[in-house]
Protein backbone atom coordinates (compact mmCIF):
# COMPACT_ATOMS: atom_id res chain seq x y z
CA UNK A 1 -8.32 -57.22 -12.52
CA UNK A 2 -8.21 -55.85 -8.96
CA UNK A 3 -4.85 -54.22 -9.74
CA UNK A 4 -6.45 -52.35 -12.62
CA UNK A 5 -9.24 -51.02 -10.35
CA UNK A 6 -6.68 -49.88 -7.76
CA UNK A 7 -4.66 -48.10 -10.42
CA UNK A 8 -7.78 -46.40 -11.83
CA UNK A 9 -8.81 -45.32 -8.36
CA UNK A 10 -5.29 -43.99 -7.68
CA UNK A 11 -5.26 -42.04 -10.95
CA UNK A 12 -8.72 -40.64 -10.13
CA UNK A 13 -7.54 -39.62 -6.63
CA UNK A 14 -4.42 -37.97 -8.04
CA UNK A 15 -6.55 -36.01 -10.53
CA UNK A 16 -8.95 -34.93 -7.79
CA UNK A 17 -6.02 -33.89 -5.61
CA UNK A 18 -4.46 -31.86 -8.40
CA UNK A 19 -7.77 -30.09 -9.12
CA UNK A 20 -8.33 -29.28 -5.45
CA UNK A 21 -4.75 -28.09 -5.05
CA UNK A 22 -5.17 -25.79 -8.06
CA UNK A 23 -8.42 -24.46 -6.62
CA UNK A 24 -6.69 -23.78 -3.27
CA UNK A 25 -3.87 -21.92 -5.00
CA UNK A 26 -6.36 -19.81 -6.96
CA UNK A 27 -8.37 -18.97 -3.85
CA UNK A 28 -5.23 -18.05 -1.93
CA UNK A 29 -4.09 -15.73 -4.72
CA UNK A 30 -7.53 -14.13 -4.91
CA UNK A 31 -7.52 -13.52 -1.15
CA UNK A 32 -4.05 -11.97 -1.20
CA UNK A 33 -4.97 -9.79 -4.18
CA UNK A 34 -8.14 -8.62 -2.46
CA UNK A 35 -6.18 -7.79 0.71
CA UNK A 36 -3.60 -5.85 -1.30
CA UNK A 37 -6.29 -3.87 -3.13
CA UNK A 38 -8.18 -3.13 0.10
CA UNK A 39 -4.96 -2.02 1.83
CA UNK A 40 -4.04 0.20 -1.09
CA UNK A 41 -7.49 1.75 -1.19
CA UNK A 42 -7.43 2.53 2.54
CA UNK A 43 -3.96 4.07 2.27
CA UNK A 44 -5.09 6.23 -0.65
CA UNK A 45 -8.12 7.48 1.32
CA UNK A 46 -5.87 8.41 4.27
CA UNK A 47 -3.40 10.13 1.88
CA UNK A 48 -6.17 12.20 0.26
CA UNK A 49 -7.54 13.26 3.69
CA UNK A 50 -4.02 14.08 4.80
CA UNK A 51 -3.38 16.25 1.76
CA UNK A 52 -6.55 18.25 2.41
CA UNK A 53 -5.66 18.66 6.08
CA UNK A 54 -2.11 19.71 5.27
CA UNK A 55 -3.36 22.21 2.67
CA UNK A 56 -5.76 23.90 5.07
CA UNK A 57 -3.23 23.95 7.92
CA UNK A 58 -0.60 25.36 5.56
CA UNK A 59 -2.99 28.07 4.37
CA UNK A 60 -3.78 28.98 7.98
CA UNK A 61 -0.08 29.06 8.93
CA UNK A 62 0.83 31.20 5.91
CA UNK A 63 -2.00 33.61 6.73
CA UNK A 64 -0.93 33.77 10.40
CA UNK A 65 2.74 34.45 9.51
CA UNK A 66 1.67 37.06 6.98
CA UNK A 67 -0.47 38.80 9.58
CA UNK A 68 2.38 38.83 12.08
CA UNK A 69 4.73 40.36 9.49
CA UNK A 70 2.04 42.78 8.23
CA UNK A 71 2.66 41.52 4.72
CA UNK A 72 0.44 38.52 3.77
CA UNK A 73 2.50 37.53 0.76
CA UNK A 74 5.55 36.91 3.00
CA UNK A 75 3.67 34.28 4.97
CA UNK A 76 2.84 32.36 1.84
CA UNK A 77 6.38 32.79 0.54
CA UNK A 78 7.85 31.40 3.78
CA UNK A 79 5.50 28.42 3.89
CA UNK A 80 6.19 27.78 0.21
CA UNK A 81 9.92 27.88 0.87
CA UNK A 82 9.56 25.37 3.68
CA UNK A 83 7.68 23.04 1.35
CA UNK A 84 10.32 23.56 -1.34
CA UNK A 85 13.07 22.51 1.11
CA UNK A 86 11.02 19.53 2.23
CA UNK A 87 10.43 18.53 -1.38
CA UNK A 88 14.15 18.73 -2.18
CA UNK A 89 14.99 16.56 0.85
CA UNK A 90 12.28 14.08 -0.06
CA UNK A 91 13.46 13.91 -3.66
CA UNK A 92 17.07 13.35 -2.61
CA UNK A 93 16.07 10.51 -0.26
CA UNK A 94 13.08 9.13 -2.13
CA UNK A 95 14.43 5.60 -2.53
CA UNK A 96 15.45 5.25 1.10
CA UNK A 97 12.44 7.03 2.64
CA UNK A 98 9.66 5.96 0.22
CA UNK A 99 10.80 3.28 -2.23
CA UNK A 100 12.11 0.61 0.09
CA UNK A 101 9.47 0.97 2.85
CA UNK A 102 6.57 0.86 0.33
CA UNK A 103 8.11 -2.08 -1.51
CA UNK A 104 8.75 -3.97 1.72
CA UNK A 105 5.23 -3.32 3.03
CA UNK A 106 3.67 -4.48 -0.23
CA UNK A 107 5.78 -7.64 -0.38
CA UNK A 108 5.13 -8.41 3.27
CA UNK A 109 1.38 -8.04 2.65
CA UNK A 110 1.53 -10.39 -0.34
CA UNK A 111 3.87 -12.99 1.22
CA UNK A 112 2.32 -12.91 4.71
CA UNK A 113 0.85 -16.27 5.65
CA UNK A 114 -2.44 -16.31 7.54
CA UNK A 115 -0.97 -17.85 10.67
CA UNK A 116 -2.42 -15.04 12.76
CA UNK A 117 -6.04 -15.69 11.81
């Protein structure tokens, strides 16, 4: 009779352990997902602000070059050409310069254990 009680207690403990382990896994995944979303949102905000800054600085540089050459359209043409060259370089090296670093940062963020906390 006592063996049966011990077995029932053991089965109950194993069920409780399995439920708690599942809860822990779910909470860990939720935390990592929340961190990834928060990180992505902050990066997007910085990118948008950077685009606005770059646009205004580019406009100012194009205007300045145009004033120095006494032909405003040449300033915009030169700045546009610089961006075209930069875009071609970026497109040619997109996997090495953007793909791998973004993928590695995302995977590091997901797989990173909270040993530092």
